[in-house]
Protein backbone atom coordinates (compact mmCIF):
# COMPACT_ATOMS: atom_id res chain seq x y z
CA UNK A 1 0.00 0.00 0.00
CA UNK A 2 1.52 3.28 -1.07
CA UNK A 3 0.84 6.20 1.27
CA UNK A 4 -0.07 9.63 0.00
CA UNK A 5 2.35 12.43 0.92
CA UNK A 6 1.62 14.68 3.87
CA UNK A 7 2.85 18.29 3.71
CA UNK A 8 3.64 20.45 6.74
CA UNK A 9 3.88 24.18 6.19
CA UNK A 10 2.53 24.04 2.64
CA UNK A 11 0.93 27.48 2.86
CA UNK A 12 3.73 29.10 4.86
CA UNK A 13 7.11 27.72 3.77
CA UNK A 14 8.99 27.95 0.49
CA UNK A 15 9.93 24.31 0.86
CA UNK A 16 7.34 22.52 3.02
CA UNK A 17 8.27 19.32 4.82
CA UNK A 18 6.96 16.31 2.93
CA UNK A 19 6.56 12.86 4.43
CA UNK A 20 4.36 9.79 4.09
CA UNK A 21 4.34 9.01 7.80
CA UNK A 22 2.23 10.89 10.31
CA UNK A 23 3.71 9.06 13.30
CA UNK A 24 7.45 9.00 14.01
CA UNK A 25 9.74 8.49 17.01
CA UNK A 26 10.44 11.83 18.65
CA UNK A 27 13.45 12.89 20.66
CA UNK A 28 13.91 11.59 24.16
CA UNK A 29 16.64 11.13 26.73
CA UNK A 30 18.37 8.19 25.11
CA UNK A 31 20.95 8.19 27.90
CA UNK A 32 18.23 6.66 30.08
CA UNK A 33 17.85 3.71 27.68
CA UNK A 34 20.15 0.78 27.05
CA UNK A 35 21.96 0.37 23.74
CA UNK A 36 19.79 -2.61 22.74
CA UNK A 37 16.64 -0.56 23.45
CA UNK A 38 17.82 2.26 21.17
CA UNK A 39 18.76 -0.28 18.51
CA UNK A 40 15.29 -1.84 18.79
CA UNK A 41 13.71 1.59 18.22
CA UNK A 42 15.93 2.07 15.15
CA UNK A 43 15.03 -1.33 13.72
CA UNK A 44 11.33 -0.76 14.45
CA UNK A 45 11.44 2.65 12.75
CA UNK A 46 12.97 1.04 9.66
CA UNK A 47 10.29 -1.65 9.53
CA UNK A 48 7.51 0.93 10.02
CA UNK A 49 8.96 3.31 7.43
CA UNK A 50 9.22 6.19 9.90
CA UNK A 51 12.06 8.35 11.17
CA UNK A 52 13.82 8.41 14.53
CA UNK A 53 14.89 11.71 16.14
CA UNK A 54 18.31 11.41 17.81
CA UNK A 55 17.62 13.81 20.68
CA UNK A 56 20.25 16.27 21.92
CA UNK A 57 22.79 13.59 22.79
CA UNK A 58 24.11 13.13 19.25
CA UNK A 59 24.09 9.95 17.17
CA UNK A 60 25.23 6.71 18.76
CA UNK A 61 26.04 3.49 16.90
CA UNK A 62 22.78 2.09 18.29
CA UNK A 63 20.80 4.77 16.42
CA UNK A 64 22.32 3.61 13.13
CA UNK A 65 22.14 -0.20 13.54
CA UNK A 66 18.56 -0.36 12.29
CA UNK A 67 19.37 1.67 9.16
CA UNK A 68 16.27 3.86 9.61
CA UNK A 69 15.89 7.49 8.56
CA UNK A 70 17.38 9.70 11.28
CA UNK A 71 16.53 13.26 12.19
CA UNK A 72 19.62 14.76 13.81
CA UNK A 73 18.60 17.15 16.56
CA UNK A 74 20.95 20.09 16.93
CA UNK A 75 20.86 21.44 20.47
CA UNK A 76 23.17 23.54 22.61
CA UNK A 77 22.66 21.72 25.91
CA UNK A 78 25.44 19.95 27.80
CA UNK A 79 25.43 16.95 25.45
CA UNK A 80 24.37 18.84 22.33
CA UNK A 81 26.16 20.09 19.28
CA UNK A 82 28.86 22.53 20.38
CA UNK A 83 32.58 23.17 20.22
CA UNK A 84 35.17 22.43 22.89
CA UNK A 85 34.82 25.93 24.38
PDB file of N, CA and C in Angstrom:
ATOM      1  N   UNK A   1       0.852  -1.173   0.000  1.00  0.00           N
ATOM      2  CA  UNK A   1       0.000   0.000   0.000  1.00  0.00           C
ATOM      3  C   UNK A   1       0.896   1.233   0.000  1.00  0.00           C
ATOM      4  N   UNK A   2       0.721   2.057  -0.973  1.00  0.00           N
ATOM      5  CA  UNK A   2       1.520   3.278  -1.065  1.00  0.00           C
ATOM      6  C   UNK A   2       0.767   4.412  -0.384  1.00  0.00           C
ATOM      7  N   UNK A   3       1.449   5.093   0.541  1.00  0.00           N
ATOM      8  CA  UNK A   3       0.844   6.201   1.273  1.00  0.00           C
ATOM      9  C   UNK A   3       0.919   7.479   0.465  1.00  0.00           C
ATOM     10  N   UNK A   4      -0.080   8.323   0.631  1.00  0.00           N
ATOM     11  CA  UNK A   4      -0.070   9.631  -0.001  1.00  0.00           C
ATOM     12  C   UNK A   4       0.798  10.576   0.822  1.00  0.00           C
ATOM     13  N   UNK A   5       1.487  11.499   0.170  1.00  0.00           N
ATOM     14  CA  UNK A   5       2.349  12.426   0.917  1.00  0.00           C
ATOM     15  C   UNK A   5       1.544  13.362   1.820  1.00  0.00           C
ATOM     16  N   UNK A   6       2.159  13.714   2.931  1.00  0.00           N
ATOM     17  CA  UNK A   6       1.620  14.685   3.874  1.00  0.00           C
ATOM     18  C   UNK A   6       2.573  15.873   3.847  1.00  0.00           C
ATOM     19  N   UNK A   7       2.034  17.081   3.762  1.00  0.00           N
ATOM     20  CA  UNK A   7       2.849  18.293   3.712  1.00  0.00           C
ATOM     21  C   UNK A   7       2.621  19.117   4.968  1.00  0.00           C
ATOM     22  N   UNK A   8       3.690  19.550   5.583  1.00  0.00           N
ATOM     23  CA  UNK A   8       3.636  20.446   6.737  1.00  0.00           C
ATOM     24  C   UNK A   8       4.199  21.794   6.314  1.00  0.00           C
ATOM     25  N   UNK A   9       3.442  22.844   6.542  1.00  0.00           N
ATOM     26  CA  UNK A   9       3.880  24.183   6.192  1.00  0.00           C
ATOM     27  C   UNK A   9       3.643  24.535   4.745  1.00  0.00           C
ATOM     28  N   UNK A  10       2.746  23.839   4.072  1.00  0.00           N
ATOM     29  CA  UNK A  10       2.531  24.039   2.635  1.00  0.00           C
ATOM     30  C   UNK A  10       2.119  25.470   2.295  1.00  0.00           C
ATOM     31  N   UNK A  11       1.378  26.116   3.154  1.00  0.00           N
ATOM     32  CA  UNK A  11       0.931  27.482   2.862  1.00  0.00           C
ATOM     33  C   UNK A  11       1.868  28.550   3.424  1.00  0.00           C
ATOM     34  N   UNK A  12       2.898  28.136   4.159  1.00  0.00           N
ATOM     35  CA  UNK A  12       3.730  29.105   4.860  1.00  0.00           C
ATOM     36  C   UNK A  12       5.222  29.014   4.550  1.00  0.00           C
ATOM     37  N   UNK A  13       5.671  27.912   3.998  1.00  0.00           N
ATOM     38  CA  UNK A  13       7.107  27.717   3.766  1.00  0.00           C
ATOM     39  C   UNK A  13       7.409  27.608   2.279  1.00  0.00           C
ATOM     40  N   UNK A  14       8.576  28.092   1.890  1.00  0.00           N
ATOM     41  CA  UNK A  14       8.993  27.950   0.495  1.00  0.00           C
ATOM     42  C   UNK A  14       9.201  26.484   0.129  1.00  0.00           C
ATOM     43  N   UNK A  15       9.707  25.734   1.085  1.00  0.00           N
ATOM     44  CA  UNK A  15       9.927  24.307   0.856  1.00  0.00           C
ATOM     45  C   UNK A  15       9.283  23.550   2.020  1.00  0.00           C
ATOM     46  N   UNK A  16       8.006  23.213   1.912  1.00  0.00           N
ATOM     47  CA  UNK A  16       7.341  22.518   3.017  1.00  0.00           C
ATOM     48  C   UNK A  16       7.941  21.131   3.245  1.00  0.00           C
ATOM     49  N   UNK A  17       7.781  20.665   4.473  1.00  0.00           N
ATOM     50  CA  UNK A  17       8.266  19.319   4.823  1.00  0.00           C
ATOM     51  C   UNK A  17       7.285  18.302   4.267  1.00  0.00           C
ATOM     52  N   UNK A  18       7.796  17.338   3.526  1.00  0.00           N
ATOM     53  CA  UNK A  18       6.958  16.306   2.927  1.00  0.00           C
ATOM     54  C   UNK A  18       7.332  14.950   3.499  1.00  0.00           C
ATOM     55  N   UNK A  19       6.333  14.192   3.889  1.00  0.00           N
ATOM     56  CA  UNK A  19       6.558  12.855   4.431  1.00  0.00           C
ATOM     57  C   UNK A  19       5.360  11.976   4.094  1.00  0.00           C
ATOM     58  N   UNK A  20       5.496  10.692   4.244  1.00  0.00           N
ATOM     59  CA  UNK A  20       4.361   9.789   4.088  1.00  0.00           C
ATOM     60  C   UNK A  20       3.961   9.191   5.431  1.00  0.00           C
ATOM     61  N   UNK A  21       4.671   9.559   6.486  1.00  0.00           N
ATOM     62  CA  UNK A  21       4.344   9.014   7.802  1.00  0.00           C
ATOM     63  C   UNK A  21       3.894  10.123   8.745  1.00  0.00           C
ATOM     64  N   UNK A  22       2.754   9.931   9.351  1.00  0.00           N
ATOM     65  CA  UNK A  22       2.231  10.894  10.312  1.00  0.00           C
ATOM     66  C   UNK A  22       2.864  10.667  11.680  1.00  0.00           C
ATOM     67  N   UNK A  23       3.108   9.408  12.017  1.00  0.00           N
ATOM     68  CA  UNK A  23       3.706   9.058  13.298  1.00  0.00           C
ATOM     69  C   UNK A  23       5.184   8.750  13.105  1.00  0.00           C
ATOM     70  N   UNK A  24       6.009   9.237  14.027  1.00  0.00           N
ATOM     71  CA  UNK A  24       7.449   9.002  14.006  1.00  0.00           C
ATOM     72  C   UNK A  24       7.920   8.830  15.448  1.00  0.00           C
ATOM     73  N   UNK A  25       9.206   8.624  15.662  1.00  0.00           N
ATOM     74  CA  UNK A  25       9.743   8.492  17.015  1.00  0.00           C
ATOM     75  C   UNK A  25      10.454   9.793  17.355  1.00  0.00           C
ATOM     76  N   UNK A  26       9.891  10.516  18.310  1.00  0.00           N
ATOM     77  CA  UNK A  26      10.437  11.827  18.651  1.00  0.00           C
ATOM     78  C   UNK A  26      11.643  11.704  19.566  1.00  0.00           C
ATOM     79  N   UNK A  27      12.273  12.843  19.803  1.00  0.00           N
ATOM     80  CA  UNK A  27      13.453  12.890  20.660  1.00  0.00           C
ATOM     81  C   UNK A  27      13.104  12.509  22.091  1.00  0.00           C
ATOM     82  N   UNK A  28      14.058  11.921  22.753  1.00  0.00           N
ATOM     83  CA  UNK A  28      13.907  11.586  24.164  1.00  0.00           C
ATOM     84  C   UNK A  28      15.292  11.515  24.780  1.00  0.00           C
ATOM     85  N   UNK A  29      15.357  11.263  26.058  1.00  0.00           N
ATOM     86  CA  UNK A  29      16.639  11.130  26.732  1.00  0.00           C
ATOM     87  C   UNK A  29      17.160   9.712  26.518  1.00  0.00           C
ATOM     88  N   UNK A  30      17.880   9.523  25.434  1.00  0.00           N
ATOM     89  CA  UNK A  30      18.374   8.187  25.109  1.00  0.00           C
ATOM     90  C   UNK A  30      19.408   7.697  26.101  1.00  0.00           C
ATOM     91  N   UNK A  31      19.999   8.597  26.875  1.00  0.00           N
ATOM     92  CA  UNK A  31      20.951   8.188  27.900  1.00  0.00           C
ATOM     93  C   UNK A  31      20.299   7.348  28.986  1.00  0.00           C
ATOM     94  N   UNK A  32      18.971   7.445  29.090  1.00  0.00           N
ATOM     95  CA  UNK A  32      18.234   6.660  30.081  1.00  0.00           C
ATOM     96  C   UNK A  32      17.894   5.266  29.556  1.00  0.00           C
ATOM     97  N   UNK A  33      18.163   5.008  28.278  1.00  0.00           N
ATOM     98  CA  UNK A  33      17.851   3.710  27.678  1.00  0.00           C
ATOM     99  C   UNK A  33      19.134   2.917  27.432  1.00  0.00           C
ATOM    100  N   UNK A  34      18.998   1.623  27.373  1.00  0.00           N
ATOM    101  CA  UNK A  34      20.150   0.780  27.049  1.00  0.00           C
ATOM    102  C   UNK A  34      20.421   0.829  25.551  1.00  0.00           C
ATOM    103  N   UNK A  35      21.615   0.444  25.162  1.00  0.00           N
ATOM    104  CA  UNK A  35      21.956   0.366  23.745  1.00  0.00           C
ATOM    105  C   UNK A  35      21.014  -0.528  22.961  1.00  0.00           C
ATOM    106  N   UNK A  36      20.720  -1.748  23.473  1.00  0.00           N
ATOM    107  CA  UNK A  36      19.791  -2.608  22.743  1.00  0.00           C
ATOM    108  C   UNK A  36      18.387  -2.002  22.596  1.00  0.00           C
ATOM    109  N   UNK A  37      17.952  -1.202  23.560  1.00  0.00           N
ATOM    110  CA  UNK A  37      16.637  -0.564  23.449  1.00  0.00           C
ATOM    111  C   UNK A  37      16.639   0.480  22.331  1.00  0.00           C
ATOM    112  N   UNK A  38      17.710   1.259  22.235  1.00  0.00           N
ATOM    113  CA  UNK A  38      17.817   2.261  21.166  1.00  0.00           C
ATOM    114  C   UNK A  38      17.889   1.567  19.808  1.00  0.00           C
ATOM    115  N   UNK A  39      18.652   0.487  19.752  1.00  0.00           N
ATOM    116  CA  UNK A  39      18.756  -0.278  18.508  1.00  0.00           C
ATOM    117  C   UNK A  39      17.396  -0.844  18.110  1.00  0.00           C
ATOM    118  N   UNK A  40      16.622  -1.314  19.078  1.00  0.00           N
ATOM    119  CA  UNK A  40      15.290  -1.839  18.786  1.00  0.00           C
ATOM    120  C   UNK A  40      14.385  -0.745  18.224  1.00  0.00           C
ATOM    121  N   UNK A  41      14.487   0.469  18.762  1.00  0.00           N
ATOM    122  CA  UNK A  41      13.710   1.586  18.219  1.00  0.00           C
ATOM    123  C   UNK A  41      14.123   1.873  16.773  1.00  0.00           C
ATOM    124  N   UNK A  42      15.424   1.826  16.499  1.00  0.00           N
ATOM    125  CA  UNK A  42      15.929   2.065  15.153  1.00  0.00           C
ATOM    126  C   UNK A  42      15.433   1.002  14.175  1.00  0.00           C
ATOM    127  N   UNK A  43      15.498  -0.234  14.588  1.00  0.00           N
ATOM    128  CA  UNK A  43      15.028  -1.329  13.724  1.00  0.00           C
ATOM    129  C   UNK A  43      13.515  -1.252  13.511  1.00  0.00           C
ATOM    130  N   UNK A  44      12.788  -0.909  14.570  1.00  0.00           N
ATOM    131  CA  UNK A  44      11.330  -0.763  14.451  1.00  0.00           C
ATOM    132  C   UNK A  44      10.951   0.385  13.544  1.00  0.00           C
ATOM    133  N   UNK A  45      11.698   1.499  13.631  1.00  0.00           N
ATOM    134  CA  UNK A  45      11.440   2.645  12.753  1.00  0.00           C
ATOM    135  C   UNK A  45      11.657   2.262  11.292  1.00  0.00           C
ATOM    136  N   UNK A  46      12.702   1.493  11.027  1.00  0.00           N
ATOM    137  CA  UNK A  46      12.972   1.043   9.659  1.00  0.00           C
ATOM    138  C   UNK A  46      11.823   0.186   9.141  1.00  0.00           C
ATOM    139  N   UNK A  47      11.379  -0.749   9.944  1.00  0.00           N
ATOM    140  CA  UNK A  47      10.286  -1.650   9.526  1.00  0.00           C
ATOM    141  C   UNK A  47       8.985  -0.889   9.308  1.00  0.00           C
ATOM    142  N   UNK A  48       8.750   0.152  10.124  1.00  0.00           N
ATOM    143  CA  UNK A  48       7.510   0.928  10.022  1.00  0.00           C
ATOM    144  C   UNK A  48       7.587   2.014   8.954  1.00  0.00           C
ATOM    145  N   UNK A  49       8.792   2.277   8.440  1.00  0.00           N
ATOM    146  CA  UNK A  49       8.958   3.312   7.431  1.00  0.00           C
ATOM    147  C   UNK A  49       8.836   4.721   7.997  1.00  0.00           C
ATOM    148  N   UNK A  50       9.287   4.880   9.242  1.00  0.00           N
ATOM    149  CA  UNK A  50       9.219   6.188   9.904  1.00  0.00           C
ATOM    150  C   UNK A  50      10.621   6.623  10.303  1.00  0.00           C
ATOM    151  N   UNK A  51      10.755   7.863  10.755  1.00  0.00           N
ATOM    152  CA  UNK A  51      12.059   8.346  11.174  1.00  0.00           C
ATOM    153  C   UNK A  51      12.203   8.332  12.689  1.00  0.00           C
ATOM    154  N   UNK A  52      13.451   8.411  13.118  1.00  0.00           N
ATOM    155  CA  UNK A  52      13.825   8.410  14.527  1.00  0.00           C
ATOM    156  C   UNK A  52      14.622   9.675  14.804  1.00  0.00           C
ATOM    157  N   UNK A  53      14.173  10.499  15.746  1.00  0.00           N
ATOM    158  CA  UNK A  53      14.886  11.709  16.141  1.00  0.00           C
ATOM    159  C   UNK A  53      15.959  11.315  17.147  1.00  0.00           C
ATOM    160  N   UNK A  54      17.179  11.811  16.970  1.00  0.00           N
ATOM    161  CA  UNK A  54      18.308  11.409  17.810  1.00  0.00           C
ATOM    162  C   UNK A  54      18.311  12.039  19.195  1.00  0.00           C
ATOM    163  N   UNK A  55      17.542  13.107  19.406  1.00  0.00           N
ATOM    164  CA  UNK A  55      17.618  13.815  20.681  1.00  0.00           C
ATOM    165  C   UNK A  55      18.880  14.658  20.720  1.00  0.00           C
ATOM    166  N   UNK A  56      19.109  15.354  21.827  1.00  0.00           N
ATOM    167  CA  UNK A  56      20.250  16.265  21.918  1.00  0.00           C
ATOM    168  C   UNK A  56      21.576  15.566  22.170  1.00  0.00           C
ATOM    169  N   UNK A  57      21.569  14.289  22.425  1.00  0.00           N
ATOM    170  CA  UNK A  57      22.792  13.591  22.788  1.00  0.00           C
ATOM    171  C   UNK A  57      23.619  13.083  21.637  1.00  0.00           C
ATOM    172  N   UNK A  58      23.364  13.516  20.433  1.00  0.00           N
ATOM    173  CA  UNK A  58      24.110  13.135  19.251  1.00  0.00           C
ATOM    174  C   UNK A  58      23.667  11.772  18.727  1.00  0.00           C
ATOM    175  N   UNK A  59      24.424  11.231  17.805  1.00  0.00           N
ATOM    176  CA  UNK A  59      24.095   9.951  17.166  1.00  0.00           C
ATOM    177  C   UNK A  59      25.016   8.880  17.730  1.00  0.00           C
ATOM    178  N   UNK A  60      24.435   7.830  18.269  1.00  0.00           N
ATOM    179  CA  UNK A  60      25.227   6.707  18.763  1.00  0.00           C
ATOM    180  C   UNK A  60      25.199   5.592  17.721  1.00  0.00           C
ATOM    181  N   UNK A  61      26.097   4.627  17.824  1.00  0.00           N
ATOM    182  CA  UNK A  61      26.041   3.490  16.903  1.00  0.00           C
ATOM    183  C   UNK A  61      24.700   2.754  16.985  1.00  0.00           C
ATOM    184  N   UNK A  62      24.064   2.780  18.132  1.00  0.00           N
ATOM    185  CA  UNK A  62      22.782   2.092  18.292  1.00  0.00           C
ATOM    186  C   UNK A  62      21.682   2.755  17.469  1.00  0.00           C
ATOM    187  N   UNK A  63      21.768   4.072  17.271  1.00  0.00           N
ATOM    188  CA  UNK A  63      20.798   4.768  16.425  1.00  0.00           C
ATOM    189  C   UNK A  63      20.901   4.304  14.972  1.00  0.00           C
ATOM    190  N   UNK A  64      22.100   3.933  14.543  1.00  0.00           N
ATOM    191  CA  UNK A  64      22.320   3.606  13.131  1.00  0.00           C
ATOM    192  C   UNK A  64      22.194   2.120  12.805  1.00  0.00           C
ATOM    193  N   UNK A  65      22.180   1.248  13.800  1.00  0.00           N
ATOM    194  CA  UNK A  65      22.139  -0.197  13.537  1.00  0.00           C
ATOM    195  C   UNK A  65      20.898  -0.631  12.768  1.00  0.00           C
ATOM    196  N   UNK A  66      19.792   0.047  12.968  1.00  0.00           N
ATOM    197  CA  UNK A  66      18.561  -0.356  12.287  1.00  0.00           C
ATOM    198  C   UNK A  66      18.447   0.173  10.876  1.00  0.00           C
ATOM    199  N   UNK A  67      19.351   1.090  10.494  1.00  0.00           N
ATOM    200  CA  UNK A  67      19.368   1.668   9.155  1.00  0.00           C
ATOM    201  C   UNK A  67      18.073   2.417   8.823  1.00  0.00           C
ATOM    202  N   UNK A  68      17.482   3.069   9.831  1.00  0.00           N
ATOM    203  CA  UNK A  68      16.273   3.858   9.606  1.00  0.00           C
ATOM    204  C   UNK A  68      16.652   5.286   9.214  1.00  0.00           C
ATOM    205  N   UNK A  69      15.662   6.066   8.813  1.00  0.00           N
ATOM    206  CA  UNK A  69      15.888   7.486   8.558  1.00  0.00           C
ATOM    207  C   UNK A  69      16.048   8.190   9.897  1.00  0.00           C
ATOM    208  N   UNK A  70      17.109   8.978  10.032  1.00  0.00           N
ATOM    209  CA  UNK A  70      17.382   9.697  11.277  1.00  0.00           C
ATOM    210  C   UNK A  70      17.171  11.190  11.104  1.00  0.00           C
ATOM    211  N   UNK A  71      16.597  11.803  12.110  1.00  0.00           N
ATOM    212  CA  UNK A  71      16.530  13.259  12.191  1.00  0.00           C
ATOM    213  C   UNK A  71      17.533  13.645  13.267  1.00  0.00           C
ATOM    214  N   UNK A  72      18.580  14.355  12.873  1.00  0.00           N
ATOM    215  CA  UNK A  72      19.618  14.757  13.805  1.00  0.00           C
ATOM    216  C   UNK A  72      19.183  16.044  14.493  1.00  0.00           C
ATOM    217  N   UNK A  73      19.027  15.989  15.793  1.00  0.00           N
ATOM    218  CA  UNK A  73      18.599  17.154  16.558  1.00  0.00           C
ATOM    219  C   UNK A  73      19.806  17.962  16.986  1.00  0.00           C
ATOM    220  N   UNK A  74      19.847  19.203  16.559  1.00  0.00           N
ATOM    221  CA  UNK A  74      20.950  20.087  16.927  1.00  0.00           C
ATOM    222  C   UNK A  74      20.518  20.921  18.124  1.00  0.00           C
ATOM    223  N   UNK A  75      21.149  20.691  19.253  1.00  0.00           N
ATOM    224  CA  UNK A  75      20.858  21.438  20.466  1.00  0.00           C
ATOM    225  C   UNK A  75      22.130  22.000  21.057  1.00  0.00           C
ATOM    226  N   UNK A  76      21.993  22.922  21.988  1.00  0.00           N
ATOM    227  CA  UNK A  76      23.167  23.541  22.608  1.00  0.00           C
ATOM    228  C   UNK A  76      23.330  23.123  24.065  1.00  0.00           C
ATOM    229  N   UNK A  77      22.578  22.171  24.515  1.00  0.00           N
ATOM    230  CA  UNK A  77      22.656  21.715  25.906  1.00  0.00           C
ATOM    231  C   UNK A  77      24.004  21.022  26.166  1.00  0.00           C
ATOM    232  N   UNK A  78      24.177  20.559  27.381  1.00  0.00           N
ATOM    233  CA  UNK A  78      25.442  19.952  27.801  1.00  0.00           C
ATOM    234  C   UNK A  78      25.938  18.876  26.833  1.00  0.00           C
ATOM    235  N   UNK A  79      25.040  18.050  26.340  1.00  0.00           N
ATOM    236  CA  UNK A  79      25.432  16.952  25.451  1.00  0.00           C
ATOM    237  C   UNK A  79      25.057  17.238  24.002  1.00  0.00           C
ATOM    238  N   UNK A  80      24.782  18.466  23.666  1.00  0.00           N
ATOM    239  CA  UNK A  80      24.366  18.838  22.331  1.00  0.00           C
ATOM    240  C   UNK A  80      25.527  19.123  21.391  1.00  0.00           C
ATOM    241  N   UNK A  81      25.204  19.762  20.316  1.00  0.00           N
ATOM    242  CA  UNK A  81      26.160  20.091  19.279  1.00  0.00           C
ATOM    243  C   UNK A  81      26.845  21.409  19.641  1.00  0.00           C
ATOM    244  N   UNK A  82      28.117  21.333  19.987  1.00  0.00           N
ATOM    245  CA  UNK A  82      28.856  22.531  20.383  1.00  0.00           C
ATOM    246  C   UNK A  82      30.351  22.274  20.225  1.00  0.00           C
ATOM    247  N   UNK A  83      31.127  23.340  20.337  1.00  0.00           N
ATOM    248  CA  UNK A  83      32.578  23.171  20.220  1.00  0.00           C
ATOM    249  C   UNK A  83      33.194  22.934  21.597  1.00  0.00           C
ATOM    250  N   UNK A  84      34.493  22.751  21.646  1.00  0.00           N
ATOM    251  CA  UNK A  84      35.175  22.434  22.895  1.00  0.00           C
ATOM    252  C   UNK A  84      35.098  23.569  23.924  1.00  0.00           C
ATOM    253  N   UNK A  85      34.913  24.797  23.471  1.00  0.00           N
ATOM    254  CA  UNK A  85      34.821  25.930  24.383  1.00  0.00           C
ATOM    255  C   UNK A  85      33.450  26.017  25.015  1.00  0.00           C
TER     256      UNK A  85
END
